[in-house]
């Protein structure tokens, strides 16, 4: 259980670091072309579908690489 929690913590830390560095390097993670934004008079709906697909692809690739060992 402890090992799983440490691995999960390391993964979350890495994801946070990547998101933080992407913002510093002006990579529009979360504002990619194809992300849906609907602005109303008093509300805004935002759905980052392309960002979700990109992150899913990267996650799947990482899991595939890790399972090959």
Protein backbone atom coordinates (compact mmCIF):
# COMPACT_ATOMS: atom_id res chain seq x y z
CA UNK A 1 0.00 0.00 0.00
CA UNK A 2 2.80 2.44 0.88
CA UNK A 3 4.64 1.76 -2.36
CA UNK A 4 1.49 2.42 -4.39
CA UNK A 5 0.91 5.71 -2.58
CA UNK A 6 4.50 6.80 -3.18
CA UNK A 7 4.25 5.97 -6.88
CA UNK A 8 0.92 7.80 -7.14
CA UNK A 9 2.45 10.81 -5.39
CA UNK A 10 5.42 10.82 -7.76
CA UNK A 11 3.11 10.63 -10.77
CA UNK A 12 0.95 13.49 -9.51
CA UNK A 13 4.05 15.57 -8.75
CA UNK A 14 5.37 14.95 -12.27
CA UNK A 15 2.05 15.92 -13.84
CA UNK A 16 1.95 19.09 -11.76
CA UNK A 17 5.50 19.94 -12.75
CA UNK A 18 4.74 19.43 -16.46
CA UNK A 19 1.63 21.63 -16.27
CA UNK A 20 3.57 24.31 -14.39
CA UNK A 21 6.46 24.28 -16.86
CA UNK A 22 4.06 24.30 -19.82
CA UNK A 23 2.59 27.53 -18.47
CA UNK A 24 6.02 29.08 -18.01
CA UNK A 25 7.03 28.11 -21.56
CA UNK A 26 3.78 29.56 -22.98
CA UNK A 27 2.51 26.21 -24.20
CA UNK A 28 -1.28 26.65 -24.23
CA UNK A 29 -2.09 23.43 -22.38
CA UNK A 30 -5.84 23.74 -21.81
CA UNK A 31 -6.24 26.36 -24.55
CA UNK A 32 -5.43 24.30 -27.63
CA UNK A 33 -7.24 24.77 -30.95
CA UNK A 34 -10.34 22.59 -30.87
CA UNK A 35 -11.08 23.13 -27.18
CA UNK A 36 -14.70 24.22 -26.83
CA UNK A 37 -15.52 27.60 -25.29
CA UNK A 38 -19.07 28.96 -25.21
CA UNK A 39 -19.50 32.43 -23.78
CA UNK A 40 -22.94 33.57 -22.73
CA UNK A 41 -24.04 36.88 -21.29
CA UNK A 42 -23.39 35.84 -17.69
CA UNK A 43 -21.74 32.44 -18.03
CA UNK A 44 -18.87 30.69 -19.75
CA UNK A 45 -18.74 26.98 -20.57
CA UNK A 46 -15.32 25.56 -21.31
CA UNK A 47 -14.54 21.98 -22.31
CA UNK A 48 -10.91 21.20 -23.23
CA UNK A 49 -11.62 18.20 -25.47
CA UNK A 50 -8.40 18.39 -27.51
CA UNK A 51 -6.33 18.81 -24.35
CA UNK A 52 -8.07 15.76 -22.85
CA UNK A 53 -7.36 13.71 -25.97
CA UNK A 54 -3.70 14.77 -26.00
CA UNK A 55 -3.21 13.96 -22.31
CA UNK A 56 -4.98 10.62 -22.78
CA UNK A 57 -2.68 9.77 -25.67
CA UNK A 58 0.42 10.67 -23.65
CA UNK A 59 -0.82 8.67 -20.65
CA UNK A 60 -1.59 5.63 -22.83
CA UNK A 61 1.85 5.84 -24.39
CA UNK A 62 3.54 6.03 -20.98
CA UNK A 63 1.58 3.04 -19.66
CA UNK A 64 2.36 1.04 -22.82
CA UNK A 65 6.08 1.78 -22.44
CA UNK A 66 6.06 0.86 -18.74
CA UNK A 67 4.25 -2.45 -19.34
CA UNK A 68 6.69 -3.56 -22.04
CA UNK A 69 9.43 -4.11 -19.44
